[in-house]
């Protein structure tokens, strides 16, 4: 999903997609900022191949969800969240973590400045924290058959939210690839890069530097 910087009560709200977009093209960040402020109209992308990729991605996600259910795992699904519902969906996600559900599907995170929507959270064997919140690790489904930096940045962002909720960072994050292989990474190996990437995005939105549309591979997206 293509993200863009949103504003709630005149304050910017960032997402992992914003970080990924900024890493790919700093000019795109400024365009998205103008769209969010109503100063530029966002173009629509109705290419058939884009729609097809979305449909295939949804099928891959639902196939993994069904596989988890077939294992007998309990699943809690969090509803979609509009800008006015982020706090509510975040609270529902935290409550689901407190309940100890095996799987949380479409978990929503929101800390007032950063939002996130993890495909799956899977409970680990660690004991709950002092607030009764169980520990989880994030999983994201991707059609690609190889790991990409963009997916790892997104997962690192979810891990950052989880650390704030459960009191410690998840040990690992996971990508469910297009061939159904699960590729896992140590969170500590991603944290430093993710932290710097987040800061670069915030500084770019705050300072509004002059940028130029230099051609980059991300242009096709």
N, C-alpha and C. Protein backbone atom coordinates (compact mmCIF):
# COMPACT_ATOMS: atom_id res chain seq x y z
N UNK A 1 0.85 -1.19 0.00
CA UNK A 1 0.00 0.00 0.00
C UNK A 1 0.88 1.23 0.00
N UNK A 2 0.57 2.19 -0.86
CA UNK A 2 1.35 3.42 -0.91
C UNK A 2 0.93 4.34 0.22
N UNK A 3 1.85 4.68 1.09
CA UNK A 3 1.52 5.55 2.21
C UNK A 3 1.76 7.00 1.87
N UNK A 4 1.22 7.90 2.67
CA UNK A 4 1.56 9.31 2.55
C UNK A 4 1.40 9.96 3.91
N UNK A 5 2.23 10.95 4.17
CA UNK A 5 2.20 11.62 5.46
C UNK A 5 0.81 12.19 5.70
N UNK A 6 0.22 11.84 6.84
CA UNK A 6 -1.10 12.35 7.19
C UNK A 6 -0.96 13.39 8.29
N UNK A 7 -2.01 14.21 8.42
CA UNK A 7 -2.04 15.20 9.49
C UNK A 7 -3.32 15.01 10.28
N UNK A 8 -3.18 14.90 11.61
CA UNK A 8 -4.30 14.81 12.53
C UNK A 8 -4.18 15.96 13.51
N UNK A 9 -5.21 16.82 13.56
CA UNK A 9 -5.15 18.02 14.40
C UNK A 9 -3.90 18.85 14.08
N UNK A 10 -3.61 18.98 12.79
CA UNK A 10 -2.50 19.79 12.27
C UNK A 10 -1.12 19.22 12.59
N UNK A 11 -1.06 18.04 13.19
CA UNK A 11 0.22 17.41 13.51
C UNK A 11 0.46 16.25 12.56
N UNK A 12 1.70 16.08 12.08
CA UNK A 12 1.98 14.98 11.16
C UNK A 12 1.90 13.62 11.85
N UNK A 13 1.32 12.66 11.16
CA UNK A 13 1.27 11.27 11.62
C UNK A 13 1.97 10.43 10.57
N UNK A 14 3.03 9.75 10.97
CA UNK A 14 3.86 9.00 10.04
C UNK A 14 3.55 7.51 10.10
N UNK A 15 3.90 6.82 9.02
CA UNK A 15 3.72 5.38 8.95
C UNK A 15 5.00 4.74 8.42
N UNK A 16 5.15 3.41 8.56
CA UNK A 16 6.32 2.76 7.98
C UNK A 16 6.44 2.97 6.47
N UNK A 17 5.29 3.06 5.78
CA UNK A 17 5.34 3.31 4.34
C UNK A 17 5.98 4.66 4.03
N UNK A 18 5.75 5.64 4.90
CA UNK A 18 6.38 6.95 4.71
C UNK A 18 7.90 6.84 4.79
N UNK A 19 8.37 6.02 5.73
CA UNK A 19 9.82 5.82 5.88
C UNK A 19 10.38 5.15 4.63
N UNK A 20 9.70 4.10 4.16
CA UNK A 20 10.14 3.38 2.97
C UNK A 20 10.17 4.31 1.76
N UNK A 21 9.12 5.10 1.60
CA UNK A 21 9.07 6.04 0.48
C UNK A 21 10.19 7.06 0.54
N UNK A 22 10.49 7.54 1.74
CA UNK A 22 11.54 8.55 1.88
C UNK A 22 12.91 7.96 1.56
N UNK A 23 13.15 6.73 1.96
CA UNK A 23 14.41 6.08 1.63
C UNK A 23 14.57 5.91 0.13
N UNK A 24 13.43 5.70 -0.55
CA UNK A 24 13.47 5.50 -2.00
C UNK A 24 13.59 6.82 -2.76
N UNK A 25 12.93 7.88 -2.25
CA UNK A 25 12.89 9.15 -2.98
C UNK A 25 12.51 10.27 -2.03
N UNK A 26 13.45 11.17 -1.75
CA UNK A 26 13.17 12.28 -0.82
C UNK A 26 12.17 13.27 -1.42
N UNK A 27 12.16 13.38 -2.75
CA UNK A 27 11.19 14.28 -3.39
C UNK A 27 9.76 13.77 -3.18
N UNK A 28 9.60 12.45 -3.16
CA UNK A 28 8.26 11.87 -2.95
C UNK A 28 7.70 12.29 -1.60
N UNK A 29 8.56 12.39 -0.60
CA UNK A 29 8.10 12.83 0.73
C UNK A 29 7.49 14.22 0.66
N UNK A 30 8.12 15.11 -0.07
CA UNK A 30 7.61 16.47 -0.18
C UNK A 30 6.30 16.51 -0.98
N UNK A 31 6.19 15.69 -2.00
CA UNK A 31 4.94 15.61 -2.75
C UNK A 31 3.81 15.09 -1.86
N UNK A 32 4.10 14.04 -1.09
CA UNK A 32 3.09 13.48 -0.19
C UNK A 32 2.69 14.47 0.89
N UNK A 33 3.66 15.27 1.35
CA UNK A 33 3.34 16.29 2.36
C UNK A 33 2.37 17.31 1.78
N UNK A 34 2.58 17.72 0.54
CA UNK A 34 1.70 18.69 -0.10
C UNK A 34 0.30 18.10 -0.32
N UNK A 35 0.24 16.82 -0.66
CA UNK A 35 -1.06 16.16 -0.82
C UNK A 35 -1.82 16.15 0.51
N UNK A 36 -1.11 15.82 1.58
CA UNK A 36 -1.75 15.74 2.90
C UNK A 36 -2.25 17.09 3.37
N UNK A 37 -1.59 18.17 2.93
CA UNK A 37 -2.00 19.51 3.33
C UNK A 37 -3.02 20.11 2.37
N UNK A 38 -3.43 19.34 1.36
CA UNK A 38 -4.43 19.82 0.42
C UNK A 38 -3.90 20.78 -0.62
N UNK A 39 -2.60 20.87 -0.77
CA UNK A 39 -2.00 21.80 -1.73
C UNK A 39 -1.68 21.13 -3.06
N UNK A 40 -1.87 19.81 -3.13
CA UNK A 40 -1.58 19.07 -4.35
C UNK A 40 -2.54 17.89 -4.42
N UNK A 41 -3.00 17.58 -5.62
CA UNK A 41 -3.94 16.46 -5.78
C UNK A 41 -3.16 15.19 -6.05
N UNK A 42 -3.50 14.16 -5.31
CA UNK A 42 -2.81 12.88 -5.46
C UNK A 42 -3.33 12.16 -6.71
N UNK A 43 -2.45 11.73 -7.61
CA UNK A 43 -2.90 11.02 -8.80
C UNK A 43 -3.42 9.63 -8.44
N UNK A 44 -4.37 9.16 -9.22
CA UNK A 44 -4.89 7.81 -9.01
C UNK A 44 -4.13 6.85 -9.91
N UNK A 45 -3.96 5.63 -9.43
CA UNK A 45 -3.25 4.62 -10.20
C UNK A 45 -4.20 3.46 -10.42
N UNK A 46 -4.82 3.42 -11.59
CA UNK A 46 -5.79 2.37 -11.88
C UNK A 46 -5.23 1.33 -12.85
N UNK A 47 -3.90 1.23 -12.91
CA UNK A 47 -3.30 0.22 -13.77
C UNK A 47 -3.75 -1.17 -13.35
N UNK A 48 -4.07 -2.00 -14.31
CA UNK A 48 -4.54 -3.35 -14.02
C UNK A 48 -3.49 -4.15 -13.26
N UNK A 49 -2.22 -3.96 -13.60
CA UNK A 49 -1.19 -4.74 -12.92
C UNK A 49 -1.09 -4.38 -11.43
N UNK A 50 -1.38 -3.11 -11.11
CA UNK A 50 -1.37 -2.69 -9.71
C UNK A 50 -2.50 -3.37 -8.95
N UNK A 51 -3.69 -3.38 -9.55
CA UNK A 51 -4.84 -4.03 -8.93
C UNK A 51 -4.57 -5.53 -8.76
N UNK A 52 -3.95 -6.13 -9.77
CA UNK A 52 -3.65 -7.56 -9.71
C UNK A 52 -2.70 -7.88 -8.56
N UNK A 53 -1.66 -7.05 -8.39
CA UNK A 53 -0.72 -7.27 -7.30
C UNK A 53 -1.41 -7.16 -5.94
N UNK A 54 -2.32 -6.21 -5.82
CA UNK A 54 -3.05 -6.07 -4.56
C UNK A 54 -3.91 -7.30 -4.29
N UNK A 55 -4.58 -7.79 -5.34
CA UNK A 55 -5.43 -8.97 -5.17
C UNK A 55 -4.60 -10.19 -4.79
N UNK A 56 -3.46 -10.37 -5.45
CA UNK A 56 -2.59 -11.49 -5.12
C UNK A 56 -2.03 -11.37 -3.70
N UNK A 57 -1.71 -10.14 -3.31
CA UNK A 57 -1.22 -9.92 -1.95
C UNK A 57 -2.26 -10.26 -0.91
N UNK A 58 -3.51 -9.87 -1.17
CA UNK A 58 -4.60 -10.19 -0.24
C UNK A 58 -4.80 -11.71 -0.14
N UNK A 59 -4.72 -12.40 -1.27
CA UNK A 59 -4.90 -13.85 -1.26
C UNK A 59 -3.79 -14.53 -0.48
N UNK A 60 -2.57 -14.06 -0.66
CA UNK A 60 -1.43 -14.63 0.07
C UNK A 60 -1.60 -14.43 1.57
N UNK A 61 -2.05 -13.25 1.96
CA UNK A 61 -2.28 -12.94 3.37
C UNK A 61 -3.36 -13.84 3.95
N UNK A 62 -4.47 -13.99 3.24
CA UNK A 62 -5.58 -14.82 3.73
C UNK A 62 -5.20 -16.30 3.76
N UNK A 63 -4.35 -16.71 2.83
CA UNK A 63 -3.91 -18.11 2.83
C UNK A 63 -3.08 -18.41 4.07
N UNK A 64 -2.23 -17.46 4.46
CA UNK A 64 -1.44 -17.66 5.67
C UNK A 64 -2.33 -17.62 6.91
N UNK A 65 -3.33 -16.74 6.91
CA UNK A 65 -4.28 -16.68 8.02
C UNK A 65 -4.99 -18.02 8.18
N UNK A 66 -5.43 -18.61 7.07
CA UNK A 66 -6.12 -19.90 7.13
C UNK A 66 -5.19 -21.00 7.63
N UNK A 67 -3.93 -20.93 7.24
CA UNK A 67 -2.95 -21.93 7.69
C UNK A 67 -2.78 -21.85 9.21
N UNK A 68 -2.78 -20.64 9.76
CA UNK A 68 -2.67 -20.49 11.21
C UNK A 68 -3.91 -21.05 11.91
N UNK A 69 -5.07 -20.81 11.34
CA UNK A 69 -6.30 -21.32 11.94
C UNK A 69 -6.34 -22.85 11.89
N UNK A 70 -5.82 -23.41 10.82
CA UNK A 70 -5.79 -24.86 10.70
C UNK A 70 -4.89 -25.50 11.75
N UNK A 71 -3.95 -24.72 12.28
CA UNK A 71 -3.10 -25.21 13.36
C UNK A 71 -3.82 -25.18 14.72
N UNK A 72 -5.05 -24.68 14.72
CA UNK A 72 -5.81 -24.59 15.96
C UNK A 72 -5.51 -23.37 16.79
N UNK A 73 -4.85 -22.38 16.20
CA UNK A 73 -4.50 -21.17 16.95
C UNK A 73 -5.70 -20.23 17.02
N UNK A 74 -5.84 -19.57 18.16
CA UNK A 74 -6.91 -18.58 18.32
C UNK A 74 -6.51 -17.28 17.62
N UNK A 75 -7.45 -16.68 16.90
CA UNK A 75 -7.17 -15.49 16.09
C UNK A 75 -8.12 -14.37 16.48
N UNK A 76 -7.56 -13.18 16.72
CA UNK A 76 -8.34 -11.96 16.91
C UNK A 76 -8.06 -11.04 15.74
N UNK A 77 -9.09 -10.53 15.10
CA UNK A 77 -8.93 -9.64 13.96
C UNK A 77 -9.28 -8.21 14.37
N UNK A 78 -8.40 -7.27 14.06
CA UNK A 78 -8.62 -5.86 14.34
C UNK A 78 -9.18 -5.20 13.09
N UNK A 79 -10.25 -4.44 13.23
CA UNK A 79 -10.90 -3.80 12.09
C UNK A 79 -10.02 -2.70 11.51
N UNK A 80 -10.31 -2.32 10.26
CA UNK A 80 -9.60 -1.21 9.63
C UNK A 80 -9.76 0.06 10.46
N UNK A 81 -8.76 0.91 10.41
CA UNK A 81 -8.78 2.14 11.21
C UNK A 81 -8.63 3.37 10.33
N UNK A 82 -9.63 4.25 10.36
CA UNK A 82 -9.51 5.55 9.75
C UNK A 82 -8.74 6.47 10.68
N UNK A 83 -8.40 7.69 10.24
CA UNK A 83 -7.63 8.61 11.09
C UNK A 83 -8.26 8.86 12.46
N UNK A 84 -9.58 8.87 12.55
CA UNK A 84 -10.24 9.15 13.82
C UNK A 84 -10.36 7.91 14.70
N UNK A 85 -9.99 6.74 14.17
CA UNK A 85 -10.16 5.49 14.91
C UNK A 85 -8.84 4.87 15.36
N UNK A 86 -7.73 5.56 15.11
CA UNK A 86 -6.43 4.97 15.41
C UNK A 86 -6.27 4.63 16.88
N UNK A 87 -6.66 5.54 17.76
CA UNK A 87 -6.51 5.30 19.20
C UNK A 87 -7.36 4.11 19.63
N UNK A 88 -8.58 4.01 19.09
CA UNK A 88 -9.47 2.90 19.44
C UNK A 88 -8.89 1.58 18.98
N UNK A 89 -8.43 1.51 17.75
CA UNK A 89 -7.88 0.25 17.23
C UNK A 89 -6.57 -0.12 17.94
N UNK A 90 -5.79 0.88 18.32
CA UNK A 90 -4.58 0.60 19.10
C UNK A 90 -4.96 -0.02 20.44
N UNK A 91 -5.96 0.55 21.09
CA UNK A 91 -6.40 0.02 22.39
C UNK A 91 -6.92 -1.41 22.24
N UNK A 92 -7.61 -1.70 21.15
CA UNK A 92 -8.11 -3.05 20.92
C UNK A 92 -6.95 -4.02 20.70
N UNK A 93 -5.91 -3.55 20.02
CA UNK A 93 -4.73 -4.39 19.81
C UNK A 93 -4.05 -4.71 21.14
N UNK A 94 -3.88 -3.69 21.98
CA UNK A 94 -3.25 -3.91 23.28
C UNK A 94 -4.09 -4.86 24.13
N UNK A 95 -5.40 -4.71 24.10
CA UNK A 95 -6.28 -5.59 24.87
C UNK A 95 -6.19 -7.03 24.36
N UNK A 96 -6.05 -7.19 23.05
CA UNK A 96 -5.89 -8.53 22.48
C UNK A 96 -4.57 -9.15 22.93
N UNK A 97 -3.52 -8.32 23.04
CA UNK A 97 -2.24 -8.81 23.55
C UNK A 97 -2.36 -9.20 25.02
N UNK A 98 -3.17 -8.47 25.75
CA UNK A 98 -3.37 -8.78 27.16
C UNK A 98 -4.17 -10.08 27.32
N UNK A 99 -5.08 -10.33 26.40
CA UNK A 99 -5.91 -11.54 26.48
C UNK A 99 -5.12 -12.79 26.17
N UNK A 100 -3.98 -12.64 25.49
CA UNK A 100 -3.14 -13.79 25.18
C UNK A 100 -3.56 -14.53 23.93
N UNK A 101 -4.25 -13.87 23.01
CA UNK A 101 -4.62 -14.50 21.75
C UNK A 101 -3.37 -15.03 21.05
N UNK A 102 -3.48 -16.19 20.42
CA UNK A 102 -2.33 -16.75 19.73
C UNK A 102 -1.89 -15.87 18.56
N UNK A 103 -2.87 -15.36 17.83
CA UNK A 103 -2.60 -14.57 16.64
C UNK A 103 -3.47 -13.31 16.65
N UNK A 104 -2.87 -12.17 16.33
CA UNK A 104 -3.63 -10.93 16.15
C UNK A 104 -3.44 -10.52 14.70
N UNK A 105 -4.56 -10.48 13.98
CA UNK A 105 -4.55 -10.19 12.54
C UNK A 105 -4.88 -8.72 12.32
N UNK A 106 -4.04 -8.04 11.51
CA UNK A 106 -4.21 -6.62 11.21
C UNK A 106 -4.11 -5.74 12.46
N UNK A 107 -3.10 -6.01 13.27
CA UNK A 107 -2.87 -5.22 14.48
C UNK A 107 -2.61 -3.76 14.13
N UNK A 108 -3.16 -2.85 14.93
CA UNK A 108 -2.97 -1.42 14.71
C UNK A 108 -2.18 -0.82 15.85
N UNK A 109 -1.18 -0.01 15.51
CA UNK A 109 -0.37 0.71 16.49
C UNK A 109 -0.53 2.21 16.26
N UNK A 110 -0.58 2.97 17.36
CA UNK A 110 -0.62 4.42 17.24
C UNK A 110 -0.15 5.03 18.55
N UNK A 111 0.91 5.87 18.48
CA UNK A 111 1.45 6.48 19.69
C UNK A 111 1.28 8.00 19.70
N UNK A 112 0.43 8.52 18.80
CA UNK A 112 0.22 9.95 18.72
C UNK A 112 0.96 10.59 17.56
N UNK A 113 2.06 9.99 17.13
CA UNK A 113 2.83 10.51 16.00
C UNK A 113 3.07 9.46 14.92
N UNK A 114 3.17 8.21 15.33
CA UNK A 114 3.45 7.12 14.40
C UNK A 114 2.33 6.10 14.45
N UNK A 115 1.89 5.68 13.25
CA UNK A 115 0.90 4.62 13.13
C UNK A 115 1.53 3.42 12.44
N UNK A 116 0.93 2.26 12.63
CA UNK A 116 1.42 1.06 11.96
C UNK A 116 0.33 0.01 11.92
N UNK A 117 0.39 -0.87 10.91
CA UNK A 117 -0.61 -1.91 10.76
C UNK A 117 0.11 -3.21 10.36
N UNK A 118 0.39 -4.04 11.34
CA UNK A 118 1.09 -5.29 11.10
C UNK A 118 0.11 -6.35 10.59
N UNK A 119 0.53 -7.11 9.59
CA UNK A 119 -0.34 -8.17 9.09
C UNK A 119 -0.70 -9.15 10.21
N UNK A 120 0.33 -9.61 10.92
CA UNK A 120 0.11 -10.61 11.97
C UNK A 120 1.04 -10.34 13.16
N UNK A 121 0.52 -10.60 14.35
CA UNK A 121 1.34 -10.73 15.56
C UNK A 121 1.13 -12.14 16.08
N UNK A 122 2.22 -12.84 16.34
CA UNK A 122 2.13 -14.19 16.90
C UNK A 122 2.73 -14.19 18.30
N UNK A 123 1.99 -14.78 19.24
CA UNK A 123 2.42 -14.80 20.63
C UNK A 123 3.61 -15.73 20.82
N UNK A 124 4.55 -15.30 21.65
CA UNK A 124 5.71 -16.12 21.98
C UNK A 124 5.46 -16.86 23.29
N UNK A 125 6.44 -17.65 23.73
CA UNK A 125 6.30 -18.42 24.96
C UNK A 125 6.72 -17.64 26.21
N UNK A 126 7.15 -16.41 26.04
CA UNK A 126 7.59 -15.62 27.19
C UNK A 126 6.41 -15.27 28.09
N UNK A 127 6.70 -15.14 29.36
CA UNK A 127 5.66 -14.80 30.33
C UNK A 127 5.17 -13.37 30.13
N UNK A 128 3.92 -13.10 30.46
CA UNK A 128 3.39 -11.72 30.33
C UNK A 128 4.19 -10.75 31.18
N UNK A 129 4.17 -9.46 30.81
CA UNK A 129 4.85 -8.45 31.61
C UNK A 129 4.03 -8.10 32.84
N UNK A 130 4.48 -7.13 33.60
CA UNK A 130 3.82 -6.78 34.86
C UNK A 130 2.41 -6.23 34.66
N UNK A 131 2.10 -5.77 33.45
CA UNK A 131 0.76 -5.28 33.15
C UNK A 131 -0.14 -6.37 32.57
N UNK A 132 0.38 -7.59 32.53
CA UNK A 132 -0.42 -8.69 32.00
C UNK A 132 -0.44 -8.79 30.50
N UNK A 133 0.44 -8.06 29.83
CA UNK A 133 0.50 -8.08 28.36
C UNK A 133 1.45 -9.18 27.92
N UNK A 134 0.97 -10.06 27.06
CA UNK A 134 1.81 -11.13 26.53
C UNK A 134 2.77 -10.57 25.48
N UNK A 135 3.78 -11.36 25.15
CA UNK A 135 4.81 -10.93 24.21
C UNK A 135 4.53 -11.49 22.82
N UNK A 136 4.74 -10.64 21.83
CA UNK A 136 4.45 -11.00 20.44
C UNK A 136 5.60 -10.63 19.53
N UNK A 137 5.62 -11.30 18.37
CA UNK A 137 6.56 -10.96 17.30
C UNK A 137 5.76 -10.70 16.03
N UNK A 138 6.19 -9.71 15.21
CA UNK A 138 5.43 -9.35 14.01
C UNK A 138 5.80 -10.20 12.80
N UNK A 139 4.77 -10.50 12.00
CA UNK A 139 4.92 -11.23 10.74
C UNK A 139 4.22 -10.42 9.65
N UNK A 140 4.87 -10.26 8.50
CA UNK A 140 4.25 -9.59 7.36
C UNK A 140 4.31 -10.51 6.14
N UNK A 141 3.22 -10.60 5.40
CA UNK A 141 3.20 -11.39 4.18
C UNK A 141 3.62 -10.51 3.00
N UNK A 142 4.50 -11.05 2.16
CA UNK A 142 4.98 -10.34 0.98
C UNK A 142 4.98 -11.31 -0.21
N UNK A 143 4.57 -10.81 -1.38
CA UNK A 143 4.54 -11.65 -2.58
C UNK A 143 5.94 -12.00 -3.07
N UNK A 144 6.91 -11.14 -2.79
CA UNK A 144 8.28 -11.38 -3.26
C UNK A 144 8.83 -12.69 -2.70
N UNK A 145 9.71 -13.32 -3.45
CA UNK A 145 10.34 -14.56 -2.99
C UNK A 145 11.69 -14.32 -2.36
N UNK A 146 12.09 -13.04 -2.30
CA UNK A 146 13.33 -12.65 -1.64
C UNK A 146 13.05 -11.50 -0.69
N UNK A 147 13.83 -11.41 0.38
CA UNK A 147 13.64 -10.37 1.37
C UNK A 147 14.08 -9.02 0.79
N UNK A 148 13.33 -7.97 1.14
CA UNK A 148 13.65 -6.62 0.69
C UNK A 148 13.81 -5.71 1.90
N UNK A 149 14.66 -4.69 1.73
CA UNK A 149 14.90 -3.73 2.81
C UNK A 149 13.60 -3.08 3.25
N UNK A 150 12.73 -2.76 2.31
CA UNK A 150 11.48 -2.08 2.64
C UNK A 150 10.65 -2.90 3.62
N UNK A 151 10.61 -4.21 3.42
CA UNK A 151 9.84 -5.07 4.33
C UNK A 151 10.46 -5.09 5.72
N UNK A 152 11.79 -5.10 5.78
CA UNK A 152 12.47 -5.12 7.07
C UNK A 152 12.28 -3.80 7.82
N UNK A 153 12.25 -2.68 7.10
CA UNK A 153 11.99 -1.39 7.74
C UNK A 153 10.60 -1.38 8.36
N UNK A 154 9.62 -1.89 7.63
CA UNK A 154 8.26 -1.95 8.17
C UNK A 154 8.21 -2.82 9.42
N UNK A 155 8.83 -3.97 9.37
CA UNK A 155 8.81 -4.88 10.51
C UNK A 155 9.55 -4.28 11.71
N UNK A 156 10.63 -3.57 11.46
CA UNK A 156 11.36 -2.91 12.54
C UNK A 156 10.48 -1.86 13.20
N UNK A 157 9.65 -1.20 12.41
CA UNK A 157 8.74 -0.20 12.97
C UNK A 157 7.70 -0.86 13.88
N UNK A 158 7.15 -2.00 13.46
CA UNK A 158 6.20 -2.71 14.30
C UNK A 158 6.88 -3.18 15.59
N UNK A 159 8.13 -3.62 15.47
CA UNK A 159 8.87 -4.05 16.65
C UNK A 159 9.05 -2.91 17.64
N UNK A 160 9.26 -1.71 17.10
CA UNK A 160 9.41 -0.52 17.95
C UNK A 160 8.13 -0.26 18.75
N UNK A 161 6.98 -0.37 18.09
CA UNK A 161 5.71 -0.21 18.79
C UNK A 161 5.52 -1.31 19.84
N UNK A 162 5.86 -2.54 19.47
CA UNK A 162 5.68 -3.65 20.40
C UNK A 162 6.54 -3.47 21.65
N UNK A 163 7.73 -2.96 21.47
CA UNK A 163 8.60 -2.72 22.63
C UNK A 163 7.94 -1.78 23.62
N UNK A 164 7.29 -0.73 23.12
CA UNK A 164 6.62 0.23 24.00
C UNK A 164 5.44 -0.40 24.74
N UNK A 165 4.80 -1.37 24.11
CA UNK A 165 3.60 -1.98 24.70
C UNK A 165 3.96 -3.10 25.67
N UNK A 166 4.86 -3.99 25.25
CA UNK A 166 5.12 -5.19 26.05
C UNK A 166 6.38 -5.09 26.92
N UNK A 167 7.08 -3.95 26.84
CA UNK A 167 8.18 -3.73 27.75
C UNK A 167 9.53 -4.20 27.26
N UNK A 168 9.59 -4.91 26.17
CA UNK A 168 10.85 -5.35 25.57
C UNK A 168 10.65 -5.56 24.08
N UNK A 169 11.70 -5.35 23.34
CA UNK A 169 11.61 -5.53 21.90
C UNK A 169 11.50 -7.01 21.57
N UNK A 170 10.68 -7.36 20.58
CA UNK A 170 10.65 -8.77 20.16
C UNK A 170 12.02 -9.21 19.68
N UNK A 171 12.37 -10.44 19.97
CA UNK A 171 13.68 -10.93 19.56
C UNK A 171 13.84 -10.96 18.05
N UNK A 172 12.76 -11.31 17.35
CA UNK A 172 12.84 -11.48 15.91
C UNK A 172 11.62 -10.88 15.22
N UNK A 173 11.79 -10.61 13.93
CA UNK A 173 10.69 -10.22 13.06
C UNK A 173 10.70 -11.19 11.88
N UNK A 174 9.55 -11.32 11.18
CA UNK A 174 9.42 -12.40 10.21
C UNK A 174 8.71 -11.93 8.94
N UNK A 175 9.20 -12.41 7.79
CA UNK A 175 8.55 -12.18 6.51
C UNK A 175 8.03 -13.52 5.98
N UNK A 176 6.74 -13.57 5.65
CA UNK A 176 6.17 -14.75 5.01
C UNK A 176 6.24 -14.48 3.50
N UNK A 177 7.19 -15.09 2.84
CA UNK A 177 7.47 -14.81 1.43
C UNK A 177 6.42 -15.42 0.51
N UNK A 178 6.50 -15.04 -0.77
CA UNK A 178 5.50 -15.47 -1.73
C UNK A 178 5.43 -16.97 -1.94
N UNK A 179 6.53 -17.69 -1.66
CA UNK A 179 6.52 -19.15 -1.78
C UNK A 179 6.22 -19.81 -0.43
N UNK A 180 5.72 -19.01 0.52
CA UNK A 180 5.28 -19.47 1.85
C UNK A 180 6.43 -19.78 2.80
N UNK A 181 7.67 -19.53 2.40
CA UNK A 181 8.77 -19.64 3.34
C UNK A 181 8.71 -18.48 4.33
N UNK A 182 9.07 -18.76 5.58
CA UNK A 182 9.13 -17.72 6.60
C UNK A 182 10.60 -17.38 6.84
N UNK A 183 10.96 -16.13 6.57
CA UNK A 183 12.33 -15.66 6.74
C UNK A 183 12.38 -14.77 7.98
N UNK A 184 13.27 -15.09 8.92
CA UNK A 184 13.31 -14.40 10.21
C UNK A 184 14.61 -13.63 10.38
N UNK A 185 14.53 -12.51 11.12
CA UNK A 185 15.68 -11.65 11.34
C UNK A 185 15.72 -11.19 12.79
N UNK A 186 16.94 -11.03 13.32
CA UNK A 186 17.09 -10.51 14.67
C UNK A 186 16.77 -9.01 14.68
N UNK A 187 15.90 -8.61 15.57
CA UNK A 187 15.45 -7.23 15.62
C UNK A 187 16.62 -6.28 15.89
N UNK A 188 17.54 -6.69 16.73
CA UNK A 188 18.66 -5.81 17.09
C UNK A 188 19.52 -5.46 15.87
N UNK A 189 19.50 -6.30 14.84
CA UNK A 189 20.28 -6.03 13.64
C UNK A 189 19.64 -4.94 12.78
N UNK A 190 18.37 -4.65 13.02
CA UNK A 190 17.63 -3.68 12.21
C UNK A 190 17.40 -2.36 12.93
N UNK A 191 17.49 -2.37 14.26
CA UNK A 191 17.03 -1.23 15.06
C UNK A 191 17.77 0.07 14.74
N UNK A 192 19.09 0.02 14.60
CA UNK A 192 19.86 1.24 14.37
C UNK A 192 19.50 1.90 13.05
N UNK A 193 19.46 1.11 11.99
CA UNK A 193 19.11 1.65 10.67
C UNK A 193 17.70 2.22 10.68
N UNK A 194 16.77 1.49 11.32
CA UNK A 194 15.38 1.94 11.39
C UNK A 194 15.27 3.26 12.14
N UNK A 195 15.98 3.39 13.24
CA UNK A 195 15.93 4.62 14.04
C UNK A 195 16.42 5.82 13.23
N UNK A 196 17.51 5.65 12.51
CA UNK A 196 18.05 6.75 11.70
C UNK A 196 17.12 7.09 10.53
N UNK A 197 16.51 6.08 9.94
CA UNK A 197 15.59 6.32 8.82
C UNK A 197 14.37 7.10 9.28
N UNK A 198 13.86 6.76 10.43
CA UNK A 198 12.72 7.50 11.01
C UNK A 198 13.08 8.97 11.21
N UNK A 199 14.25 9.21 11.78
CA UNK A 199 14.65 10.57 12.08
C UNK A 199 14.84 11.39 10.81
N UNK A 200 15.37 10.77 9.77
CA UNK A 200 15.55 11.47 8.50
C UNK A 200 14.22 11.92 7.92
N UNK A 201 13.20 11.07 8.05
CA UNK A 201 11.87 11.41 7.54
C UNK A 201 11.29 12.59 8.30
N UNK A 202 11.35 12.54 9.63
CA UNK A 202 10.79 13.62 10.45
C UNK A 202 11.48 14.94 10.13
N UNK A 203 12.80 14.92 10.01
CA UNK A 203 13.54 16.14 9.70
C UNK A 203 13.15 16.69 8.33
N UNK A 204 12.91 15.80 7.37
CA UNK A 204 12.55 16.25 6.02
C UNK A 204 11.18 16.91 6.00
N UNK A 205 10.24 16.39 6.79
CA UNK A 205 8.90 16.99 6.85
C UNK A 205 8.94 18.31 7.61
N UNK A 206 9.75 18.37 8.66
CA UNK A 206 9.85 19.61 9.46
C UNK A 206 10.57 20.72 8.70
N UNK A 207 11.67 20.38 8.04
CA UNK A 207 12.51 21.41 7.40
C UNK A 207 12.07 21.75 5.98
N UNK A 208 11.34 20.85 5.33
CA UNK A 208 10.84 21.07 3.97
C UNK A 208 11.95 21.51 3.01
N UNK A 209 12.97 20.70 2.84
CA UNK A 209 14.07 21.09 1.95
C UNK A 209 13.61 21.12 0.49
N UNK A 210 14.33 21.89 -0.31
CA UNK A 210 14.04 21.92 -1.74
C UNK A 210 14.54 20.63 -2.37
N UNK A 211 13.65 19.92 -3.07
CA UNK A 211 14.03 18.65 -3.69
C UNK A 211 13.72 18.70 -5.18
N UNK A 212 14.30 17.76 -5.91
CA UNK A 212 14.12 17.71 -7.36
C UNK A 212 13.75 16.28 -7.74
N UNK A 213 12.85 16.11 -8.71
CA UNK A 213 12.41 14.75 -9.09
C UNK A 213 13.44 13.99 -9.91
N UNK A 214 14.53 13.63 -9.27
CA UNK A 214 15.53 12.82 -9.95
C UNK A 214 14.96 11.42 -10.21
N UNK A 215 15.15 10.87 -11.39
CA UNK A 215 14.65 9.51 -11.68
C UNK A 215 15.29 8.47 -10.76
N UNK A 216 14.46 7.62 -10.17
CA UNK A 216 14.91 6.55 -9.30
C UNK A 216 14.07 5.32 -9.61
N UNK A 217 14.52 4.13 -9.21
CA UNK A 217 13.73 2.92 -9.48
C UNK A 217 12.30 2.99 -8.92
N UNK A 218 12.11 3.75 -7.85
CA UNK A 218 10.80 3.81 -7.21
C UNK A 218 9.77 4.57 -8.05
N UNK A 219 10.22 5.27 -9.09
CA UNK A 219 9.29 6.04 -9.94
C UNK A 219 8.20 5.15 -10.52
N UNK A 220 8.53 3.91 -10.86
CA UNK A 220 7.54 3.00 -11.45
C UNK A 220 6.43 2.65 -10.46
N UNK A 221 6.74 2.75 -9.16
CA UNK A 221 5.72 2.50 -8.14
C UNK A 221 4.79 3.70 -8.00
